[in-house]
Protein backbone atom coordinates (compact mmCIF):
# COMPACT_ATOMS: atom_id res chain seq x y z
CA MET A 1 -18.59 -16.16 -20.20
CA ALA A 2 -18.49 -19.92 -19.77
CA ALA A 3 -20.63 -21.51 -17.12
CA THR A 4 -18.93 -22.14 -13.80
CA THR A 5 -18.46 -25.85 -13.18
CA GLU A 6 -19.06 -27.69 -9.92
CA ALA A 7 -15.32 -28.45 -9.81
CA GLN A 8 -14.52 -24.72 -10.00
CA VAL A 9 -17.02 -23.95 -7.25
CA GLU A 10 -15.49 -26.66 -5.06
CA ARG A 11 -11.96 -25.39 -5.75
CA VAL A 12 -12.95 -21.87 -4.66
CA ARG A 13 -14.59 -23.31 -1.54
CA GLU A 14 -11.42 -25.32 -0.73
CA LEU A 15 -9.20 -22.27 -1.14
CA VAL A 16 -11.41 -20.06 1.03
CA ALA A 17 -11.69 -22.77 3.69
CA ALA A 18 -7.88 -22.95 3.85
CA ILE A 19 -7.29 -19.24 4.59
CA PRO A 20 -5.76 -19.12 8.07
CA PRO A 21 -7.16 -16.85 10.79
CA GLY A 22 -5.53 -13.43 10.70
CA ARG A 23 -4.85 -13.61 6.96
CA VAL A 24 -6.82 -12.36 3.94
CA VAL A 25 -6.90 -12.96 0.20
CA THR A 26 -8.37 -10.97 -2.63
CA TYR A 27 -11.04 -12.17 -5.02
CA GLY A 28 -8.34 -12.02 -7.71
CA ASP A 29 -5.97 -14.20 -5.66
CA ILE A 30 -8.65 -16.88 -5.38
CA ALA A 31 -9.55 -16.59 -9.07
CA ALA A 32 -5.92 -17.05 -10.10
CA ALA A 33 -5.38 -20.01 -7.76
CA ALA A 34 -8.61 -21.65 -8.95
CA GLY A 35 -7.87 -21.07 -12.65
CA LEU A 36 -10.86 -18.78 -13.14
CA SER A 37 -10.84 -15.97 -15.66
CA SER A 38 -12.41 -13.32 -13.42
CA PRO A 39 -12.51 -12.29 -9.77
CA ARG A 40 -16.21 -11.60 -10.38
CA THR A 41 -16.79 -15.34 -10.63
CA VAL A 42 -15.31 -15.74 -7.16
CA GLY A 43 -17.63 -12.98 -5.94
CA TRP A 44 -20.62 -14.78 -7.40
CA ILE A 45 -19.60 -18.06 -5.76
CA MET A 46 -19.04 -16.30 -2.44
CA ARG A 47 -22.48 -14.66 -2.62
CA THR A 48 -24.24 -17.92 -3.33
CA ASP A 49 -22.24 -20.60 -1.51
CA SER A 50 -20.10 -19.38 1.38
CA ALA A 51 -22.21 -19.31 4.54
CA ASP A 52 -20.13 -22.13 6.05
CA LEU A 53 -16.78 -20.63 5.03
CA PRO A 54 -14.57 -17.88 6.49
CA TRP A 55 -16.00 -15.49 3.87
CA HIS A 56 -14.78 -12.47 5.82
CA ARG A 57 -11.17 -13.31 4.87
CA VAL A 58 -11.85 -12.59 1.17
CA ILE A 59 -11.61 -8.90 0.31
CA SER A 60 -11.32 -6.64 -2.71
CA ALA A 61 -7.89 -5.75 -4.08
CA SER A 62 -8.36 -2.25 -2.62
CA GLY A 63 -8.50 -3.72 0.88
CA LYS A 64 -11.99 -2.33 1.39
CA PRO A 65 -14.88 -4.62 2.26
CA ALA A 66 -18.17 -4.59 0.40
CA PRO A 67 -20.27 -1.71 1.79
CA HIS A 68 -23.17 -3.95 2.83
CA LEU A 69 -20.79 -6.22 4.81
CA ALA A 70 -18.23 -3.66 5.97
CA GLN A 71 -18.97 -3.40 9.68
CA ARG A 72 -19.41 -7.13 10.19
CA GLN A 73 -16.43 -8.08 8.03
CA LEU A 74 -14.06 -5.57 9.62
CA ARG A 75 -15.19 -6.61 13.12
CA LEU A 76 -14.49 -10.28 12.35
CA LEU A 77 -11.10 -9.50 10.83
CA ALA A 78 -10.08 -7.20 13.69
CA ALA A 79 -10.96 -9.98 16.15
CA GLU A 80 -8.40 -12.16 14.32
CA GLY A 81 -5.73 -9.48 14.60
CA VAL A 82 -5.89 -8.21 11.02
CA PRO A 83 -4.58 -4.61 10.88
CA ILE A 84 -7.24 -2.20 9.64
CA VAL A 85 -6.55 1.46 8.91
CA ASP A 86 -9.35 3.86 7.97
CA GLY A 87 -11.73 1.02 7.12
CA ARG A 88 -9.19 -0.71 4.89
CA VAL A 89 -7.34 -3.98 5.48
CA ASP A 90 -3.53 -3.74 5.36
CA LEU A 91 -3.01 -6.23 2.52
CA ARG A 92 0.79 -6.00 2.67
CA ALA A 93 0.76 -7.24 6.25
CA THR A 94 -1.90 -9.94 5.96
CA ARG A 95 -2.24 -11.17 2.38
CA TRP A 96 -2.01 -14.95 2.21
CA LEU A 97 -2.04 -15.97 -1.49
CA GLN A 98 -0.25 -13.76 -3.99
């Protein structure tokens, strides 16, 4: 895998920063929009450089949050009006980029 460039990191950060309240995107949506080959790269960027971003609006394609973030992420999303059923975000209703 090629090294992630600063430009790619900044593009991911720009895309995440632009997600409106009450909407979500998947790691794959961000990867595609940023021209990255893998959603895993977006996950890595989010783990290392997203404290100042609305990180809670980025979710897996299954609609389920990461287990270690689940309660916090779902609470933040619910506060924005995102529909959640059985611990899963309703992507059809709230997906922003696709």
